[in-house]
Amino acid sequence: MYQRYNESTVDLKELMTTAPLSREAHAAYLREKVDTRRLMEDAREEARQRKEEAL
């Protein structure tokens, strides 16, 4: 079974000593994540519409 929290191979010490993301980097990461999600949603919607048109 897939477990979300077992995918990281970083040591705890390394996680605790790494500097956090800057505001700009975090905002860019979130924008990219949202853009990717929207593209996936659009692709699903187009596939659903094509399937309905075929029927």
PDB file of N, CA and C in Angstrom:
ATOM      1  N   MET A   1       0.836  -1.178   0.000  1.00  0.00           N
ATOM      2  CA  MET A   1       0.000   0.000   0.000  1.00  0.00           C
ATOM      3  C   MET A   1       0.883   1.244   0.000  1.00  0.00           C
ATOM      4  N   TYR A   2       0.495   2.249  -0.768  1.00  0.00           N
ATOM      5  CA  TYR A   2       1.249   3.502  -0.843  1.00  0.00           C
ATOM      6  C   TYR A   2       1.066   4.293   0.441  1.00  0.00           C
ATOM      7  N   GLN A   3       2.181   4.722   1.019  1.00  0.00           N
ATOM      8  CA  GLN A   3       2.114   5.548   2.221  1.00  0.00           C
ATOM      9  C   GLN A   3       2.855   6.847   1.939  1.00  0.00           C
ATOM     10  N   ARG A   4       2.154   7.932   2.034  1.00  0.00           N
ATOM     11  CA  ARG A   4       2.676   9.239   1.658  1.00  0.00           C
ATOM     12  C   ARG A   4       3.932   9.615   2.432  1.00  0.00           C
ATOM     13  N   TYR A   5       4.013   9.294   3.680  1.00  0.00           N
ATOM     14  CA  TYR A   5       5.095   9.775   4.529  1.00  0.00           C
ATOM     15  C   TYR A   5       6.344   8.912   4.486  1.00  0.00           C
ATOM     16  N   ASN A   6       6.321   7.800   3.770  1.00  0.00           N
ATOM     17  CA  ASN A   6       7.497   6.943   3.673  1.00  0.00           C
ATOM     18  C   ASN A   6       8.350   7.261   2.454  1.00  0.00           C
ATOM     19  N   GLU A   7       7.965   8.251   1.651  1.00  0.00           N
ATOM     20  CA  GLU A   7       8.686   8.511   0.418  1.00  0.00           C
ATOM     21  C   GLU A   7       9.941   9.352   0.623  1.00  0.00           C
ATOM     22  N   SER A   8      10.073  10.052   1.740  1.00  0.00           N
ATOM     23  CA  SER A   8      11.234  10.904   1.981  1.00  0.00           C
ATOM     24  C   SER A   8      12.388  10.077   2.531  1.00  0.00           C
ATOM     25  N   THR A   9      13.572  10.278   1.958  1.00  0.00           N
ATOM     26  CA  THR A   9      14.752   9.557   2.424  1.00  0.00           C
ATOM     27  C   THR A   9      15.729  10.496   3.128  1.00  0.00           C
ATOM     28  N   VAL A  10      15.288  11.701   3.460  1.00  0.00           N
ATOM     29  CA  VAL A  10      16.134  12.696   4.104  1.00  0.00           C
ATOM     30  C   VAL A  10      16.204  12.415   5.599  1.00  0.00           C
ATOM     31  N   ASP A  11      17.398  12.578   6.157  1.00  0.00           N
ATOM     32  CA  ASP A  11      17.557  12.410   7.601  1.00  0.00           C
ATOM     33  C   ASP A  11      16.873  13.550   8.343  1.00  0.00           C
ATOM     34  N   LEU A  12      16.408  13.295   9.548  1.00  0.00           N
ATOM     35  CA  LEU A  12      15.731  14.307  10.339  1.00  0.00           C
ATOM     36  C   LEU A  12      16.653  15.491  10.617  1.00  0.00           C
ATOM     37  N   LYS A  13      17.922  15.225  10.900  1.00  0.00           N
ATOM     38  CA  LYS A  13      18.862  16.311  11.183  1.00  0.00           C
ATOM     39  C   LYS A  13      18.977  17.251   9.982  1.00  0.00           C
ATOM     40  N   GLU A  14      19.023  16.681   8.788  1.00  0.00           N
ATOM     41  CA  GLU A  14      19.119  17.503   7.576  1.00  0.00           C
ATOM     42  C   GLU A  14      17.863  18.352   7.399  1.00  0.00           C
ATOM     43  N   LEU A  15      16.705  17.784   7.697  1.00  0.00           N
ATOM     44  CA  LEU A  15      15.459  18.545   7.601  1.00  0.00           C
ATOM     45  C   LEU A  15      15.432  19.701   8.589  1.00  0.00           C
ATOM     46  N   MET A  16      15.925  19.474   9.769  1.00  0.00           N
ATOM     47  CA  MET A  16      15.863  20.489  10.818  1.00  0.00           C
ATOM     48  C   MET A  16      16.893  21.598  10.625  1.00  0.00           C
ATOM     49  N   THR A  17      17.957  21.372   9.858  1.00  0.00           N
ATOM     50  CA  THR A  17      18.995  22.383   9.689  1.00  0.00           C
ATOM     51  C   THR A  17      18.910  23.102   8.350  1.00  0.00           C
ATOM     52  N   THR A  18      18.009  22.693   7.487  1.00  0.00           N
ATOM     53  CA  THR A  18      17.839  23.340   6.196  1.00  0.00           C
ATOM     54  C   THR A  18      16.992  24.588   6.352  1.00  0.00           C
ATOM     55  N   ALA A  19      17.407  25.667   5.701  1.00  0.00           N
ATOM     56  CA  ALA A  19      16.644  26.916   5.778  1.00  0.00           C
ATOM     57  C   ALA A  19      15.298  26.751   5.079  1.00  0.00           C
ATOM     58  N   PRO A  20      14.248  27.374   5.598  1.00  0.00           N
ATOM     59  CA  PRO A  20      12.931  27.273   4.956  1.00  0.00           C
ATOM     60  C   PRO A  20      12.913  28.032   3.626  1.00  0.00           C
ATOM     61  N   LEU A  21      11.893  27.762   2.826  1.00  0.00           N
ATOM     62  CA  LEU A  21      11.734  28.453   1.548  1.00  0.00           C
ATOM     63  C   LEU A  21      11.447  29.931   1.783  1.00  0.00           C
ATOM     64  N   SER A  22      11.907  30.757   0.862  1.00  0.00           N
ATOM     65  CA  SER A  22      11.548  32.166   0.922  1.00  0.00           C
ATOM     66  C   SER A  22      10.084  32.317   0.523  1.00  0.00           C
ATOM     67  N   ARG A  23       9.519  33.464   0.794  1.00  0.00           N
ATOM     68  CA  ARG A  23       8.114  33.696   0.419  1.00  0.00           C
ATOM     69  C   ARG A  23       7.924  33.583  -1.087  1.00  0.00           C
ATOM     70  N   GLU A  24       8.885  34.126  -1.839  1.00  0.00           N
ATOM     71  CA  GLU A  24       8.782  34.103  -3.295  1.00  0.00           C
ATOM     72  C   GLU A  24       8.852  32.670  -3.821  1.00  0.00           C
ATOM     73  N   ALA A  25       9.766  31.878  -3.282  1.00  0.00           N
ATOM     74  CA  ALA A  25       9.904  30.491  -3.726  1.00  0.00           C
ATOM     75  C   ALA A  25       8.655  29.688  -3.379  1.00  0.00           C
ATOM     76  N   HIS A  26       8.110  29.925  -2.188  1.00  0.00           N
ATOM     77  CA  HIS A  26       6.902  29.213  -1.776  1.00  0.00           C
ATOM     78  C   HIS A  26       5.722  29.596  -2.668  1.00  0.00           C
ATOM     79  N   ALA A  27       5.604  30.889  -2.969  1.00  0.00           N
ATOM     80  CA  ALA A  27       4.517  31.348  -3.831  1.00  0.00           C
ATOM     81  C   ALA A  27       4.656  30.744  -5.232  1.00  0.00           C
ATOM     82  N   ALA A  28       5.887  30.686  -5.745  1.00  0.00           N
ATOM     83  CA  ALA A  28       6.110  30.095  -7.068  1.00  0.00           C
ATOM     84  C   ALA A  28       5.755  28.617  -7.061  1.00  0.00           C
ATOM     85  N   TYR A  29       6.112  27.913  -5.991  1.00  0.00           N
ATOM     86  CA  TYR A  29       5.785  26.491  -5.864  1.00  0.00           C
ATOM     87  C   TYR A  29       4.268  26.292  -5.869  1.00  0.00           C
ATOM     88  N   LEU A  30       3.563  27.106  -5.095  1.00  0.00           N
ATOM     89  CA  LEU A  30       2.106  26.966  -5.034  1.00  0.00           C
ATOM     90  C   LEU A  30       1.461  27.304  -6.375  1.00  0.00           C
ATOM     91  N   ARG A  31       1.953  28.349  -7.072  1.00  0.00           N
ATOM     92  CA  ARG A  31       1.403  28.685  -8.386  1.00  0.00           C
ATOM     93  C   ARG A  31       1.594  27.532  -9.362  1.00  0.00           C
ATOM     94  N   GLU A  32       2.771  26.926  -9.346  1.00  0.00           N
ATOM     95  CA  GLU A  32       3.035  25.800 -10.237  1.00  0.00           C
ATOM     96  C   GLU A  32       2.117  24.623  -9.914  1.00  0.00           C
ATOM     97  N   LYS A  33       1.909  24.387  -8.632  1.00  0.00           N
ATOM     98  CA  LYS A  33       1.034  23.290  -8.203  1.00  0.00           C
ATOM     99  C   LYS A  33      -0.411  23.531  -8.670  1.00  0.00           C
ATOM    100  N   VAL A  34      -0.883  24.762  -8.524  1.00  0.00           N
ATOM    101  CA  VAL A  34      -2.240  25.102  -8.942  1.00  0.00           C
ATOM    102  C   VAL A  34      -2.377  25.001 -10.458  1.00  0.00           C
ATOM    103  N   ASP A  35      -1.368  25.505 -11.184  1.00  0.00           N
ATOM    104  CA  ASP A  35      -1.407  25.428 -12.644  1.00  0.00           C
ATOM    105  C   ASP A  35      -1.458  23.976 -13.122  1.00  0.00           C
ATOM    106  N   THR A  36      -0.669  23.123 -12.500  1.00  0.00           N
ATOM    107  CA  THR A  36      -0.658  21.702 -12.864  1.00  0.00           C
ATOM    108  C   THR A  36      -2.019  21.071 -12.599  1.00  0.00           C
ATOM    109  N   ARG A  37      -2.601  21.391 -11.438  1.00  0.00           N
ATOM    110  CA  ARG A  37      -3.923  20.847 -11.111  1.00  0.00           C
ATOM    111  C   ARG A  37      -4.969  21.305 -12.119  1.00  0.00           C
ATOM    112  N   ARG A  38      -4.914  22.574 -12.511  1.00  0.00           N
ATOM    113  CA  ARG A  38      -5.889  23.082 -13.483  1.00  0.00           C
ATOM    114  C   ARG A  38      -5.739  22.396 -14.833  1.00  0.00           C
ATOM    115  N   LEU A  39      -4.498  22.170 -15.261  1.00  0.00           N
ATOM    116  CA  LEU A  39      -4.276  21.466 -16.520  1.00  0.00           C
ATOM    117  C   LEU A  39      -4.852  20.057 -16.464  1.00  0.00           C
ATOM    118  N   MET A  40      -4.656  19.379 -15.349  1.00  0.00           N
ATOM    119  CA  MET A  40      -5.199  18.027 -15.194  1.00  0.00           C
ATOM    120  C   MET A  40      -6.719  18.048 -15.205  1.00  0.00           C
ATOM    121  N   GLU A  41      -7.314  19.032 -14.517  1.00  0.00           N
ATOM    122  CA  GLU A  41      -8.773  19.132 -14.499  1.00  0.00           C
ATOM    123  C   GLU A  41      -9.322  19.413 -15.894  1.00  0.00           C
ATOM    124  N   ASP A  42      -8.638  20.296 -16.633  1.00  0.00           N
ATOM    125  CA  ASP A  42      -9.075  20.602 -17.997  1.00  0.00           C
ATOM    126  C   ASP A  42      -8.997  19.370 -18.891  1.00  0.00           C
ATOM    127  N   ALA A  43      -7.925  18.607 -18.764  1.00  0.00           N
ATOM    128  CA  ALA A  43      -7.771  17.398 -19.567  1.00  0.00           C
ATOM    129  C   ALA A  43      -8.869  16.388 -19.247  1.00  0.00           C
ATOM    130  N   ARG A  44      -9.187  16.233 -17.973  1.00  0.00           N
ATOM    131  CA  ARG A  44     -10.265  15.309 -17.585  1.00  0.00           C
ATOM    132  C   ARG A  44     -11.603  15.769 -18.146  1.00  0.00           C
ATOM    133  N   GLU A  45     -11.857  17.082 -18.064  1.00  0.00           N
ATOM    134  CA  GLU A  45     -13.118  17.616 -18.559  1.00  0.00           C
ATOM    135  C   GLU A  45     -13.236  17.411 -20.067  1.00  0.00           C
ATOM    136  N   GLU A  46     -12.156  17.664 -20.808  1.00  0.00           N
ATOM    137  CA  GLU A  46     -12.179  17.451 -22.256  1.00  0.00           C
ATOM    138  C   GLU A  46     -12.408  15.986 -22.593  1.00  0.00           C
ATOM    139  N   ALA A  47     -11.778  15.092 -21.861  1.00  0.00           N
ATOM    140  CA  ALA A  47     -11.959  13.659 -22.105  1.00  0.00           C
ATOM    141  C   ALA A  47     -13.413  13.257 -21.822  1.00  0.00           C
ATOM    142  N   ARG A  48     -13.982  13.813 -20.754  1.00  0.00           N
ATOM    143  CA  ARG A  48     -15.373  13.505 -20.421  1.00  0.00           C
ATOM    144  C   ARG A  48     -16.317  14.004 -21.511  1.00  0.00           C
ATOM    145  N   GLN A  49     -16.051  15.208 -22.020  1.00  0.00           N
ATOM    146  CA  GLN A  49     -16.895  15.776 -23.078  1.00  0.00           C
ATOM    147  C   GLN A  49     -16.783  14.953 -24.362  1.00  0.00           C
ATOM    148  N   ARG A  50     -15.555  14.534 -24.714  1.00  0.00           N
ATOM    149  CA  ARG A  50     -15.384  13.708 -25.915  1.00  0.00           C
ATOM    150  C   ARG A  50     -16.109  12.385 -25.773  1.00  0.00           C
ATOM    151  N   LYS A  51     -16.073  11.824 -24.569  1.00  0.00           N
ATOM    152  CA  LYS A  51     -16.757  10.548 -24.336  1.00  0.00           C
ATOM    153  C   LYS A  51     -18.263  10.719 -24.485  1.00  0.00           C
ATOM    154  N   GLU A  52     -18.800  11.825 -23.952  1.00  0.00           N
ATOM    155  CA  GLU A  52     -20.242  12.058 -24.063  1.00  0.00           C
ATOM    156  C   GLU A  52     -20.646  12.299 -25.514  1.00  0.00           C
ATOM    157  N   GLU A  53     -19.807  13.006 -26.282  1.00  0.00           N
ATOM    158  CA  GLU A  53     -20.119  13.269 -27.677  1.00  0.00           C
ATOM    159  C   GLU A  53     -20.101  11.982 -28.508  1.00  0.00           C
ATOM    160  N   ALA A  54     -19.237  11.069 -28.147  1.00  0.00           N
ATOM    161  CA  ALA A  54     -19.135   9.802 -28.873  1.00  0.00           C
ATOM    162  C   ALA A  54     -20.367   8.938 -28.658  1.00  0.00           C
ATOM    163  N   LEU A  55     -21.015   9.093 -27.543  1.00  0.00           N
ATOM    164  CA  LEU A  55     -22.209   8.287 -27.262  1.00  0.00           C
ATOM    165  C   LEU A  55     -23.392   8.874 -27.921  1.00  0.00           C
TER     166      LEU A  55
END
